[in-house]
Protein backbone atom coordinates (compact mmCIF):
# COMPACT_ATOMS: atom_id res chain seq x y z
CA MET A 1 36.67 -58.69 148.96
CA LYS A 2 39.13 -55.93 149.37
CA LEU A 3 42.87 -56.31 149.23
CA TYR A 4 45.25 -53.54 150.61
CA ILE A 5 48.70 -53.67 149.23
CA GLY A 6 51.81 -51.43 149.14
CA ASN A 7 53.91 -50.13 146.23
CA GLN A 8 54.03 -52.86 143.65
CA ASN A 9 57.58 -52.02 142.77
CA TYR A 10 58.80 -52.82 146.29
CA SER A 11 56.15 -54.75 148.29
CA SER A 12 57.03 -58.39 147.97
CA TRP A 13 54.59 -59.56 150.61
CA SER A 14 51.83 -57.73 148.84
CA LEU A 15 52.73 -59.66 145.65
CA ARG A 16 52.44 -62.86 147.44
CA ALA A 17 48.92 -62.24 148.42
CA TRP A 18 47.78 -60.44 145.26
CA VAL A 19 49.01 -63.13 142.89
CA ILE A 20 46.57 -65.84 143.94
CA PHE A 21 43.66 -63.56 142.81
CA ALA A 22 45.25 -62.83 139.49
CA GLN A 23 46.48 -66.43 138.92
CA ASN A 24 43.02 -67.80 139.52
CA GLY A 25 40.79 -65.08 138.00
CA LEU A 26 39.16 -64.02 141.28
CA ASN A 27 37.66 -60.70 141.61
CA VAL A 28 39.05 -58.47 144.30
CA GLU A 29 39.04 -54.71 144.97
CA VAL A 30 42.63 -53.59 145.30
CA THR A 31 43.62 -50.49 147.17
CA LYS A 32 47.32 -49.43 146.88
CA LEU A 33 48.87 -47.53 149.61
CA THR A 34 52.26 -45.71 149.48
CA LEU A 35 54.61 -47.34 151.93
CA PHE A 36 55.70 -45.42 155.03
CA THR A 37 53.38 -42.53 154.61
CA PRO A 38 50.88 -41.21 157.23
CA GLU A 39 48.02 -42.39 155.04
CA PHE A 40 49.44 -45.88 154.90
CA TYR A 41 49.41 -46.28 158.70
CA GLN A 42 46.14 -44.46 159.25
CA THR A 43 44.28 -46.48 156.77
CA LEU A 44 45.66 -49.90 158.03
CA GLU A 45 45.23 -49.03 161.77
CA THR A 46 41.44 -49.14 161.21
CA LEU A 47 41.59 -52.54 159.52
CA THR A 48 43.97 -54.95 161.24
CA PRO A 49 45.96 -54.97 164.50
CA ALA A 50 49.16 -55.51 162.56
CA ALA A 51 48.66 -52.32 160.48
CA LYS A 52 50.77 -53.79 157.66
CA VAL A 53 50.19 -54.90 154.09
CA PRO A 54 48.85 -56.99 152.67
CA ALA A 55 45.43 -56.99 154.40
CA LEU A 56 42.35 -58.64 153.16
CA ILE A 57 38.84 -57.59 154.14
CA ASP A 58 36.09 -60.08 153.22
CA GLU A 59 32.81 -58.82 154.67
CA GLU A 60 33.27 -59.05 158.42
CA ILE A 61 36.55 -61.12 158.10
CA ALA A 62 39.93 -59.42 158.29
CA VAL A 63 43.06 -61.45 157.36
CA TRP A 64 46.52 -60.23 157.50
CA ASP A 65 49.92 -61.75 156.68
CA SER A 66 50.53 -63.01 153.22
CA LEU A 67 50.50 -66.69 153.91
CA ALA A 68 47.31 -66.44 155.98
CA ILE A 69 45.60 -64.63 153.11
CA LEU A 70 46.82 -67.30 150.71
CA GLU A 71 45.40 -70.06 152.94
CA TYR A 72 42.07 -68.31 153.41
CA VAL A 73 41.46 -67.56 149.84
CA ASN A 74 42.48 -71.11 148.86
CA GLU A 75 40.12 -72.65 151.40
CA ARG A 76 37.14 -70.41 150.97
CA TYR A 77 37.11 -69.63 147.26
CA LEU A 78 39.29 -72.26 145.48
CA GLU A 79 38.28 -75.51 147.08
CA GLY A 80 41.80 -76.12 148.38
CA ARG A 81 43.34 -76.70 144.89
CA CYS A 82 46.20 -74.36 145.40
CA TRP A 83 47.99 -77.11 147.38
CA PRO A 84 48.99 -80.49 145.89
CA GLU A 85 46.46 -83.37 146.19
CA THR A 86 48.59 -86.02 147.92
CA ALA A 87 49.38 -85.76 151.61
CA ALA A 88 53.14 -86.19 150.97
CA GLU A 89 53.28 -83.47 148.18
CA LYS A 90 51.07 -81.13 150.23
CA ALA A 91 53.30 -81.52 153.27
CA LYS A 92 56.31 -80.73 151.15
CA ALA A 93 54.75 -77.80 149.48
CA ARG A 94 53.83 -76.39 152.92
CA ALA A 95 57.28 -76.87 154.14
CA VAL A 96 58.72 -75.03 151.03
CA ALA A 97 56.35 -72.26 151.40
CA CYS A 98 56.95 -71.76 155.21
CA GLU A 99 60.69 -71.97 154.57
CA MET A 100 60.33 -68.84 152.55
CA HIS A 101 57.84 -67.22 155.03
CA SER A 102 60.11 -67.71 157.98
CA GLY A 103 63.67 -67.68 156.51
CA PHE A 104 66.15 -66.46 154.03
CA PHE A 105 66.69 -63.26 156.00
CA ALA A 106 69.97 -62.37 154.39
CA LEU A 107 68.63 -62.60 150.89
CA ARG A 108 65.57 -60.57 151.86
CA ASN A 109 67.68 -57.94 153.55
CA GLU A 110 70.35 -57.61 150.92
CA LEU A 111 68.21 -57.99 147.82
CA PRO A 112 64.99 -56.05 148.43
CA MET A 113 62.51 -56.30 145.67
CA ASN A 114 62.80 -53.50 143.25
CA CYS A 115 61.01 -54.45 140.03
CA ARG A 116 62.03 -51.58 137.82
CA ALA A 117 65.75 -51.59 138.74
CA ASN A 118 68.75 -53.39 137.22
CA ARG A 119 71.36 -53.60 140.09
CA ARG A 120 74.29 -55.30 141.38
CA VAL A 121 75.27 -55.79 145.05
CA GLU A 122 77.96 -57.29 147.09
CA LEU A 123 76.54 -60.38 148.75
CA SER A 124 77.36 -61.82 152.18
CA ASP A 125 78.13 -65.35 152.70
CA GLU A 126 74.70 -65.88 154.26
CA ALA A 127 72.90 -64.42 151.25
CA VAL A 128 75.00 -66.69 148.94
CA ARG A 129 73.90 -69.65 150.95
CA ASP A 130 70.22 -68.50 150.85
CA ILE A 131 70.51 -68.34 146.98
CA GLN A 132 72.08 -71.72 146.77
CA ARG A 133 69.45 -73.29 148.83
CA ILE A 134 66.62 -71.68 146.74
CA ASP A 135 68.48 -72.79 143.50
CA ALA A 136 68.72 -76.39 144.75
CA MET A 137 65.02 -76.37 145.81
CA TRP A 138 63.72 -75.00 142.49
CA SER A 139 66.05 -77.38 140.57
CA GLU A 140 64.80 -80.36 142.56
CA GLN A 141 61.17 -79.62 141.95
CA MET A 142 61.62 -79.02 138.23
CA ALA A 143 63.44 -82.42 137.99
CA ILE A 144 60.64 -84.16 139.87
CA HIS A 145 57.68 -82.67 138.12
CA ASP A 146 59.27 -81.90 134.65
CA GLY A 147 56.76 -79.00 134.58
CA ARG A 148 56.25 -75.34 134.80
CA TRP A 149 55.58 -74.92 138.54
CA LEU A 150 57.14 -76.11 141.76
CA PHE A 151 54.52 -78.87 142.25
CA GLY A 152 53.34 -79.35 138.70
CA ASP A 153 50.28 -77.09 138.94
CA TRP A 154 50.49 -73.51 140.31
CA SER A 155 50.34 -73.60 144.06
CA ILE A 156 50.80 -71.35 147.16
CA ALA A 157 54.40 -72.37 147.12
CA ASP A 158 54.79 -70.55 143.80
CA ALA A 159 53.12 -67.45 145.26
CA MET A 160 55.64 -67.45 148.08
CA TYR A 161 58.58 -67.57 145.64
CA ALA A 162 57.36 -65.16 142.90
CA PRO A 163 59.09 -62.05 144.52
CA VAL A 164 62.31 -64.10 144.67
CA ALA A 165 62.26 -64.71 140.96
CA LEU A 166 61.90 -60.90 140.42
CA ARG A 167 64.70 -60.21 142.86
CA PHE A 168 67.08 -62.57 141.06
CA LYS A 169 66.28 -60.69 137.85
CA THR A 170 66.89 -57.34 139.35
CA TYR A 171 70.29 -58.18 140.81
CA GLY A 172 71.47 -60.45 138.00
CA ILE A 173 71.76 -63.56 140.04
CA GLN A 174 73.02 -66.46 138.01
CA LEU A 175 71.00 -69.72 138.44
CA SER A 176 71.49 -73.34 137.34
CA GLU A 177 69.65 -74.44 134.27
CA ARG A 178 66.64 -75.94 135.96
CA ALA A 179 66.33 -73.03 138.44
CA ALA A 180 66.45 -70.59 135.55
CA GLN A 181 63.79 -72.46 133.72
CA TYR A 182 61.53 -72.01 136.80
CA GLN A 183 62.40 -68.38 137.12
CA GLN A 184 61.44 -67.73 133.53
CA THR A 185 58.17 -69.52 134.06
CA VAL A 186 57.29 -67.16 136.92
CA LEU A 187 58.53 -64.02 135.11
CA SER A 188 56.52 -64.83 131.87
CA SER A 189 53.33 -65.75 133.51
CA PRO A 190 50.44 -63.32 132.74
CA ALA A 191 49.89 -62.53 136.39
CA ILE A 192 53.41 -61.40 137.03
CA GLN A 193 53.49 -59.52 133.72
CA THR A 194 50.40 -57.58 134.87
CA TRP A 195 52.03 -56.95 138.22
CA LEU A 196 55.20 -55.57 136.45
CA GLU A 197 53.13 -53.36 134.13
CA GLN A 198 51.41 -51.75 137.08
CA ALA A 199 54.60 -51.34 139.05
CA ALA A 200 56.26 -49.63 136.07
CA LEU A 201 53.62 -46.87 136.34
CA GLU A 202 54.63 -45.94 139.88
CA GLN A 203 56.93 -43.01 140.62
CA ASP A 204 57.40 -43.28 144.40
CA ILE A 205 60.93 -43.96 145.63
CA VAL A 206 61.39 -45.89 148.81
CA LYS A 207 65.04 -45.30 149.67
CA GLU A 208 65.27 -48.21 152.09
CA ASP A 209 64.70 -50.60 149.13
CA GLU A 210 67.08 -48.90 146.64
CA ALA A 211 70.06 -51.28 147.24
CA GLY A 212 73.16 -51.76 145.16
CA VAL A 213 74.56 -50.04 142.20
CA GLU A 214 72.67 -49.49 139.03
CA VAL A 215 73.92 -51.42 136.02
CA PRO A 216 73.48 -49.55 132.64
CA THR A 217 71.22 -51.26 130.07
CA ILE A 218 73.08 -51.93 126.87
CA ASN A 219 70.89 -51.59 123.83
CA ALA A 220 71.71 -54.01 121.14
């Protein structure tokens, strides 16, 4: 399998697809393309009609869109274990994942993923409501499962919210106790630590995703 991703510092949708491989120890050949460059578009135009990242090529099969990639890998290589077992829990996990996939536009626009930054932004009312909804969701799932991940075991829902945990860290978003517990679970996971280490090696600057005002780091 070959997975095409964008800059790891900025590409939240790339992270969502990438993390299922890292979390489950699956082998995949990763090709990183610099966002918004001629090479980026020229390479992707030969692979998928969308010409966007992430893109997965598995022999003769091409899959684009993060959620579609997650579903494909889960069904073909992981025996479906990246969704909860019961019908009720699986339905809720899918709804939670799709809520991220198709919503939270204010949060996504105002808090672009920028792993290496430490920023502050002025949030719109819509972005504040998005944050409150995610906080409530994470808190509810932590209370129900009393565990590390949204549905007990790691799932596709966790893949969808991994970039959000990183965004909240970058912009210093304050969370309730249970939501902060979940955020820390994501941030401290080996897969996300690997992603952050690789992102830190990048030097490209994508101006569109350099939002907010830098906050100086205070050394103790």
